[in-house]
Amino acid sequence: MKLKTNKTISKRIRITKTGKLMKRHGGQDHFNTRNPGKITRKKRRDQEVAKVYSKTIRKAMPNS
């Protein structure tokens, strides 16, 4: 049977050329004025997914 990609994971996480799993920071839609500028700038960059979850995520994204 053909494996299907988990669409919710594939929309949130991307795989780089080197094989890293990258995701966006959470909590950046609104209420950002209460955060310090350092945190707001940090949220603009993508974040690497923890190694603990990488094996599970790769199983959910077999075709990427």
Protein backbone atom coordinates (compact mmCIF):
# COMPACT_ATOMS: atom_id res chain seq x y z
CA MET A 1 0.00 0.00 0.00
CA LYS A 2 1.19 3.48 -0.88
CA LEU A 3 2.33 5.71 2.00
CA LYS A 4 0.56 9.04 2.34
CA THR A 5 2.13 12.30 3.47
CA ASN A 6 0.70 13.86 6.62
CA LYS A 7 -0.40 17.22 5.22
CA THR A 8 -0.52 19.05 8.56
CA ILE A 9 3.14 18.27 9.19
CA SER A 10 4.22 18.98 5.62
CA LYS A 11 2.65 22.45 5.78
CA ARG A 12 4.42 23.33 9.05
CA ILE A 13 7.85 21.78 8.54
CA ARG A 14 10.27 21.90 5.64
CA ILE A 15 13.41 19.87 4.99
CA THR A 16 16.55 21.76 3.97
CA LYS A 17 19.14 20.53 1.47
CA THR A 18 21.37 19.39 4.31
CA GLY A 19 18.50 17.40 5.85
CA LYS A 20 17.56 19.67 8.74
CA LEU A 21 13.91 20.00 9.72
CA MET A 22 12.89 23.64 10.06
CA LYS A 23 9.71 25.15 11.55
CA ARG A 24 8.36 28.60 12.31
CA HIS A 25 8.27 30.02 15.81
CA GLY A 26 4.88 29.89 17.48
CA GLY A 27 2.90 32.85 18.77
CA GLN A 28 3.71 35.56 16.26
CA ASP A 29 0.28 36.55 14.93
CA HIS A 30 -0.77 39.13 17.52
CA PHE A 31 -0.03 40.41 21.05
CA ASN A 32 3.59 40.98 20.06
CA THR A 33 3.90 44.39 21.72
CA ARG A 34 4.14 42.78 25.14
CA ASN A 35 7.26 40.87 24.10
CA PRO A 36 10.70 42.48 24.17
CA GLY A 37 12.25 43.35 20.82
CA LYS A 38 14.82 40.60 21.20
CA ILE A 39 12.10 37.93 21.30
CA THR A 40 10.19 39.49 18.38
CA ARG A 41 13.33 39.48 16.20
CA LYS A 42 14.10 35.90 17.22
CA LYS A 43 10.63 34.78 16.08
CA ARG A 44 11.26 36.04 12.55
CA ARG A 45 13.80 33.29 11.92
CA ASP A 46 12.98 29.64 11.41
CA GLN A 47 13.85 27.20 14.17
CA GLU A 48 15.32 23.71 13.85
CA VAL A 49 13.10 20.88 15.08
CA ALA A 50 14.49 18.91 18.04
CA LYS A 51 16.30 15.68 17.12
CA VAL A 52 13.89 13.71 19.33
CA TYR A 53 11.02 14.30 16.90
CA SER A 54 12.93 14.08 13.62
CA LYS A 55 12.46 10.33 13.10
CA THR A 56 8.69 10.55 13.67
CA ILE A 57 8.32 13.55 11.38
CA ARG A 58 10.30 11.88 8.58
CA LYS A 59 7.96 8.88 8.74
CA ALA A 60 4.99 11.23 8.35
CA MET A 61 6.63 12.85 5.29
CA PRO A 62 7.76 9.89 3.17
CA ASN A 63 7.58 11.63 -0.22
CA SER A 64 9.63 14.72 0.56
